[in-house]
Amino acid sequence: MEGSLKKTIKRLAFYVTDKFVQAMMMSRVGRFIINGLGKSMFNQFFSINHNGVTISLVTPNIASYSRAATFSIKEPETLEWIDSIPKNTVLWDIGANVGLYSIYAAKKKCKVYSFEPSVFNLELLARNIFKNSLENEITIIPLPLTNFRQRSTFNMSGTDWGGAMSTFGEDFGYDGKRMNEVFKFSTIGLSIEDVIKYLDIPPPDYIKMDVDGLEHLILDGGKTALGKVKEVLVEVNDDFYDQSDNVKDLLGDAGFVLREKKHSSMFENNSTYNQIWVRKLEGKDAVHV
């Protein structure tokens, strides 16, 4: 009942806002005001200082503000992992969203390639890179990754800046269940091997991957490249067995062992974890979970 009421209020708010904007657009003064409001949204920034690194992020809506405000507490294990990456190495941030971790890694002197196909997140990703003067350290690849080169639809569960829960060429989300699709467009998906071969991008030394359920498919399309990767941080839902089993098999076959899996106390009752896989060393096969 409570969820239904929230949805009704949300729909009503959108309806009223839409009608208000339509009315304002009917006059020159109204268009001037709406245009000014639109520009002012992108002048809202949130400043972060984490472990001596200062980052400025544009926050035109609630989702992007929430990501900025929870930067240090939402995925502390990811930040700790980035802190451990040596300088001047290549990081692929697959599922970069608005660029929080790409920017942090670049500030820590990594060469970053940010993969983000959402047309809504791309604008904020580019603005955030520019705001932090990292155009030479971060390269945006605005295409989805998958297990083989194909043209298909990028399906999204929302259209908010800073939103998540999307998929390419599939109908399931992070938990393996059917995703509620509200927006989609046709695009080209590439495998990891395709990116290296056709886009002339250096192979990754480190991979961070958070793509809401497609992790195993992407890893399947990068078997050769994985042989040269030092570490992988990948988000996995333990209850999505097809994903979790395949991630385990693919990374194990590529010579990795699971060092640890963690998530923030914010997700205490959640079955999704960031798994950190490291190159297997002789006599060091211990797994800490």
Protein backbone atom coordinates (compact mmCIF):
# COMPACT_ATOMS: atom_id res chain seq x y z
CA MET A 1 0.00 0.00 0.00
CA GLU A 2 2.80 2.39 0.95
CA GLY A 3 4.71 1.60 -2.27
CA SER A 4 1.58 2.23 -4.35
CA LEU A 5 1.04 5.60 -2.65
CA LYS A 6 4.63 6.64 -3.36
CA LYS A 7 4.24 5.73 -7.04
CA THR A 8 1.00 7.72 -7.25
CA ILE A 9 2.63 10.78 -5.65
CA LYS A 10 5.62 10.47 -7.97
CA ARG A 11 3.40 10.26 -11.06
CA LEU A 12 1.39 13.26 -9.87
CA ALA A 13 4.56 15.28 -9.26
CA PHE A 14 5.86 14.48 -12.75
CA TYR A 15 2.47 15.39 -14.27
CA VAL A 16 2.31 18.74 -12.47
CA THR A 17 5.93 19.55 -13.36
CA ASP A 18 5.37 18.61 -17.00
CA LYS A 19 2.29 20.82 -17.28
CA PHE A 20 4.11 23.70 -15.57
CA VAL A 21 7.05 23.48 -17.98
CA GLN A 22 4.70 23.28 -20.98
CA ALA A 23 2.89 26.40 -19.81
CA MET A 24 6.16 28.27 -19.24
CA MET A 25 7.44 27.36 -22.70
CA MET A 26 4.48 29.16 -24.29
CA SER A 27 5.98 32.59 -23.57
CA ARG A 28 9.36 34.22 -24.22
CA VAL A 29 9.81 35.07 -20.53
CA GLY A 30 8.86 31.53 -19.54
CA ARG A 31 11.38 30.02 -21.99
CA PHE A 32 14.07 32.34 -20.62
CA ILE A 33 13.32 31.20 -17.05
CA ILE A 34 13.26 27.48 -17.95
CA ASN A 35 16.51 27.83 -19.89
CA GLY A 36 18.14 29.56 -16.91
CA LEU A 37 16.94 26.87 -14.52
CA GLY A 38 18.35 24.18 -16.81
CA LYS A 39 21.77 25.85 -16.90
CA SER A 40 21.82 26.45 -13.15
CA MET A 41 21.30 22.73 -12.50
CA PHE A 42 24.70 22.03 -14.02
CA ASN A 43 26.35 24.65 -11.84
CA GLN A 44 25.59 22.62 -8.71
CA PHE A 45 28.75 20.83 -7.53
CA PHE A 46 29.60 18.63 -4.57
CA SER A 47 33.17 18.69 -3.31
CA ILE A 48 34.74 15.52 -1.88
CA ASN A 49 38.00 15.02 -0.03
CA HIS A 50 38.94 11.39 0.44
CA ASN A 51 42.34 10.19 1.57
CA GLY A 52 43.94 13.46 0.49
CA VAL A 53 42.26 13.46 -2.94
CA THR A 54 39.86 16.30 -3.78
CA ILE A 55 37.11 15.70 -6.33
CA SER A 56 34.34 17.98 -7.60
CA LEU A 57 31.19 16.38 -9.01
CA VAL A 58 28.26 17.97 -10.80
CA THR A 59 24.96 17.17 -9.05
CA PRO A 60 21.94 18.29 -11.10
CA ASN A 61 19.55 15.77 -9.53
CA ILE A 62 18.97 13.63 -6.45
CA ALA A 63 20.63 10.48 -7.86
CA SER A 64 23.88 12.25 -8.75
CA TYR A 65 23.89 14.13 -5.42
CA SER A 66 23.40 10.88 -3.52
CA ARG A 67 26.34 9.26 -5.34
CA ALA A 68 28.58 12.21 -4.48
CA ALA A 69 27.42 12.46 -0.85
CA THR A 70 28.03 8.75 -0.17
CA PHE A 71 31.33 8.55 -2.06
CA SER A 72 33.46 7.55 0.94
CA ILE A 73 31.00 5.12 2.55
CA LYS A 74 29.11 3.37 -0.24
CA GLU A 75 32.00 1.25 -1.56
CA PRO A 76 35.00 1.71 0.76
CA GLU A 77 36.43 -1.58 -0.50
CA THR A 78 36.58 -0.17 -4.03
CA LEU A 79 38.42 2.94 -2.87
CA GLU A 80 40.86 0.83 -0.84
CA TRP A 81 41.48 -1.34 -3.89
CA ILE A 82 42.13 1.70 -6.10
CA ASP A 83 44.53 3.02 -3.45
CA SER A 84 46.54 -0.21 -3.84
CA ILE A 85 46.94 0.11 -7.63
CA PRO A 86 50.45 1.21 -8.68
CA LYS A 87 50.84 4.54 -10.45
CA ASN A 88 51.05 4.71 -14.24
CA THR A 89 49.10 1.49 -14.79
CA VAL A 90 46.05 1.04 -17.03
CA LEU A 91 42.64 0.69 -15.36
CA TRP A 92 39.49 -0.20 -17.26
CA ASP A 93 36.42 1.09 -15.39
CA ILE A 94 33.64 -0.97 -16.98
CA GLY A 95 30.32 0.57 -15.98
CA ALA A 96 31.78 3.94 -15.02
CA ASN A 97 28.41 5.64 -14.45
CA VAL A 98 29.16 9.35 -13.79
CA GLY A 99 32.85 8.69 -13.17
CA LEU A 100 33.35 8.67 -9.40
CA TYR A 101 35.89 5.85 -9.37
CA SER A 102 37.42 6.73 -12.74
CA ILE A 103 38.18 10.21 -11.45
CA TYR A 104 39.53 8.94 -8.12
CA ALA A 105 41.81 6.46 -9.92
CA ALA A 106 43.02 9.13 -12.34
CA LYS A 107 43.79 11.43 -9.42
CA LYS A 108 45.84 8.53 -8.02
CA LYS A 109 47.84 8.58 -11.29
CA CYS A 110 46.24 5.68 -13.18
CA LYS A 111 45.58 5.84 -16.92
CA VAL A 112 41.82 5.23 -17.02
CA TYR A 113 39.46 4.03 -19.75
CA SER A 114 35.84 4.60 -18.73
CA PHE A 115 33.21 2.41 -20.36
CA GLU A 116 29.72 3.89 -20.01
CA PRO A 117 26.97 3.45 -22.65
CA SER A 118 24.11 5.26 -20.87
CA VAL A 119 23.32 8.42 -22.83
CA PHE A 120 22.15 10.04 -19.58
CA ASN A 121 25.25 9.21 -17.55
CA LEU A 122 27.63 10.14 -20.37
CA GLU A 123 26.89 13.85 -20.03
CA LEU A 124 27.72 13.87 -16.32
CA LEU A 125 30.75 11.64 -16.86
CA ALA A 126 32.17 14.08 -19.41
CA ARG A 127 31.32 17.12 -17.27
CA ASN A 128 32.96 15.55 -14.21
CA ILE A 129 36.13 14.68 -16.11
CA PHE A 130 36.35 18.23 -17.46
CA LYS A 131 35.60 19.80 -14.07
CA ASN A 132 38.50 17.86 -12.56
CA SER A 133 40.86 18.66 -15.48
CA LEU A 134 41.40 14.98 -16.32
CA GLU A 135 40.77 15.00 -20.08
CA ASN A 136 44.27 13.64 -20.71
CA GLU A 137 44.05 10.93 -18.03
CA ILE A 138 40.57 9.50 -18.71
CA THR A 139 39.25 8.26 -22.06
CA ILE A 140 35.51 7.65 -22.44
CA ILE A 141 34.32 4.65 -24.47
CA PRO A 142 30.55 5.18 -24.90
CA LEU A 143 29.77 1.59 -25.95
CA PRO A 144 28.59 -1.43 -23.97
CA LEU A 145 30.82 -4.46 -23.53
CA THR A 146 29.54 -7.99 -24.02
CA ASN A 147 30.84 -11.44 -25.03
CA PHE A 148 30.93 -10.87 -28.80
CA ARG A 149 30.53 -8.02 -31.27
CA GLN A 150 26.88 -7.39 -32.03
CA ARG A 151 24.19 -4.82 -32.67
CA SER A 152 21.44 -4.97 -30.08
CA THR A 153 19.40 -2.81 -27.72
CA PHE A 154 20.66 -1.09 -24.61
CA ASN A 155 17.78 -1.45 -22.16
CA MET A 156 17.34 0.89 -19.20
CA SER A 157 15.14 0.81 -16.11
CA GLY A 158 15.29 4.61 -15.72
CA THR A 159 16.39 7.82 -17.39
CA ASP A 160 17.86 9.73 -14.44
CA TRP A 161 21.34 11.23 -14.52
CA GLY A 162 23.43 8.97 -12.32
CA GLY A 163 20.97 6.09 -12.65
CA ALA A 164 21.89 2.42 -12.86
CA MET A 165 20.15 -0.89 -13.60
CA SER A 166 20.60 -1.29 -17.33
CA THR A 167 21.54 -4.14 -19.65
CA PHE A 168 22.70 -4.74 -23.20
CA GLY A 169 21.16 -7.43 -25.41
CA GLU A 170 19.49 -9.13 -22.45
CA ASP A 171 16.33 -8.66 -20.40
CA PHE A 172 17.67 -9.42 -16.90
CA GLY A 173 19.21 -7.18 -14.28
CA TYR A 174 21.80 -7.47 -11.51
CA ASP A 175 19.86 -10.26 -9.75
CA GLY A 176 19.12 -12.34 -12.85
CA LYS A 177 15.45 -11.40 -12.77
CA ARG A 178 13.61 -9.67 -15.59
CA MET A 179 14.35 -5.95 -15.61
CA ASN A 180 11.60 -3.33 -15.79
CA GLU A 181 12.46 -1.59 -19.07
CA VAL A 182 11.41 2.05 -19.51
CA PHE A 183 13.83 3.24 -22.20
CA LYS A 184 16.01 1.63 -24.87
CA PHE A 185 18.05 2.35 -27.97
CA SER A 186 19.99 0.34 -30.52
CA THR A 187 23.79 0.39 -30.40
CA ILE A 188 26.91 -1.69 -30.98
CA GLY A 189 28.36 -3.92 -28.28
CA LEU A 190 31.98 -5.03 -28.30
CA SER A 191 33.97 -7.67 -26.49
CA ILE A 192 37.11 -6.87 -24.49
CA GLU A 193 39.12 -8.46 -27.29
CA ASP A 194 37.36 -6.28 -29.90
CA VAL A 195 38.18 -3.11 -27.99
CA ILE A 196 41.88 -3.94 -27.86
CA LYS A 197 41.98 -5.04 -31.49
CA TYR A 198 39.83 -2.42 -33.22
CA LEU A 199 40.02 0.66 -30.97
CA ASP A 200 43.77 0.49 -30.36
CA ILE A 201 43.30 0.80 -26.60
CA PRO A 202 46.00 -0.63 -24.33
CA PRO A 203 45.07 -3.87 -22.54
CA PRO A 204 44.10 -3.37 -18.90
CA ASP A 205 46.46 -3.99 -16.02
CA TYR A 206 43.48 -3.73 -13.68
CA ILE A 207 39.74 -4.09 -14.29
CA LYS A 208 36.89 -2.68 -12.21
CA MET A 209 33.52 -3.96 -13.37
CA ASP A 210 29.98 -3.11 -12.26
CA VAL A 211 27.44 -3.63 -15.03
CA ASP A 212 24.33 -4.88 -13.24
CA GLY A 213 24.39 -8.56 -14.17
CA LEU A 214 26.41 -8.85 -17.39
CA GLU A 215 29.79 -9.34 -15.70
CA HIS A 216 30.12 -13.00 -16.71
CA LEU A 217 29.33 -12.26 -20.36
CA ILE A 218 31.93 -9.51 -20.52
CA LEU A 219 34.59 -11.71 -18.94
CA ASP A 220 33.73 -14.45 -21.43
CA GLY A 221 34.59 -12.00 -24.23
CA GLY A 222 38.04 -11.26 -22.78
CA LYS A 223 39.66 -14.63 -22.11
CA THR A 224 42.92 -13.78 -23.89
CA ALA A 225 43.24 -10.31 -22.36
CA LEU A 226 42.54 -11.65 -18.87
CA GLY A 227 45.78 -13.59 -19.02
CA LYS A 228 47.71 -10.33 -18.67
CA VAL A 229 45.52 -8.61 -16.09
CA LYS A 230 46.94 -8.32 -12.58
CA GLU A 231 43.72 -7.89 -10.56
CA VAL A 232 39.96 -7.70 -11.13
CA LEU A 233 37.32 -6.09 -8.92
CA VAL A 234 33.91 -7.32 -10.06
CA GLU A 235 30.44 -6.90 -8.56
CA VAL A 236 28.66 -10.24 -8.21
CA ASN A 237 25.28 -11.23 -6.78
CA ASP A 238 25.70 -14.53 -4.90
CA ASP A 239 22.05 -15.42 -5.56
CA PHE A 240 22.39 -14.96 -9.33
CA TYR A 241 23.96 -18.38 -9.82
CA ASP A 242 24.56 -18.20 -13.57
CA GLN A 243 26.52 -15.01 -13.05
CA SER A 244 28.41 -16.02 -9.90
CA ASP A 245 29.34 -19.52 -11.13
CA ASN A 246 30.55 -18.28 -14.50
CA VAL A 247 32.57 -15.43 -12.98
CA LYS A 248 34.26 -17.96 -10.68
CA ASP A 249 35.03 -20.36 -13.55
CA LEU A 250 36.22 -17.71 -16.02
CA LEU A 251 38.53 -15.95 -13.57
CA GLY A 252 39.77 -19.24 -12.14
CA ASP A 253 40.62 -20.51 -15.62
CA ALA A 254 42.46 -17.21 -16.29
CA GLY A 255 44.75 -17.83 -13.32
CA PHE A 256 43.05 -15.78 -10.60
CA VAL A 257 42.08 -16.61 -7.04
CA LEU A 258 39.46 -14.81 -4.99
CA ARG A 259 41.23 -12.74 -2.34
CA GLU A 260 38.13 -11.32 -0.70
CA LYS A 261 34.59 -10.16 -1.20
CA LYS A 262 33.11 -7.20 0.60
CA HIS A 263 30.28 -4.72 0.70
CA SER A 264 29.55 -1.69 2.81
CA SER A 265 27.45 -1.84 5.97
CA MET A 266 24.93 0.11 3.90
CA PHE A 267 24.18 -3.21 2.16
CA GLU A 268 24.25 -5.50 5.20
CA ASN A 269 21.34 -7.67 4.05
CA ASN A 270 22.28 -7.60 0.37
CA SER A 271 23.72 -10.61 -1.49
CA THR A 272 25.74 -8.43 -3.88
CA TYR A 273 29.45 -8.06 -3.16
CA ASN A 274 32.54 -6.56 -4.72
CA GLN A 275 34.83 -9.50 -5.33
CA ILE A 276 38.57 -8.87 -5.62
CA TRP A 277 40.45 -11.43 -7.71
CA VAL A 278 44.25 -11.50 -7.80
CA ARG A 279 46.79 -13.36 -9.89
CA LYS A 280 47.45 -16.81 -8.44
CA LEU A 281 50.92 -17.20 -6.94
CA GLU A 282 52.74 -20.43 -6.20
CA GLY A 283 51.80 -21.69 -2.78
CA LYS A 284 49.35 -18.85 -2.12
CA ASP A 285 45.90 -20.15 -2.93
CA ALA A 286 44.12 -19.01 0.23
CA VAL A 287 40.75 -17.37 -0.26
CA HIS A 288 39.43 -14.87 2.28
CA VAL A 289 35.68 -14.26 2.15
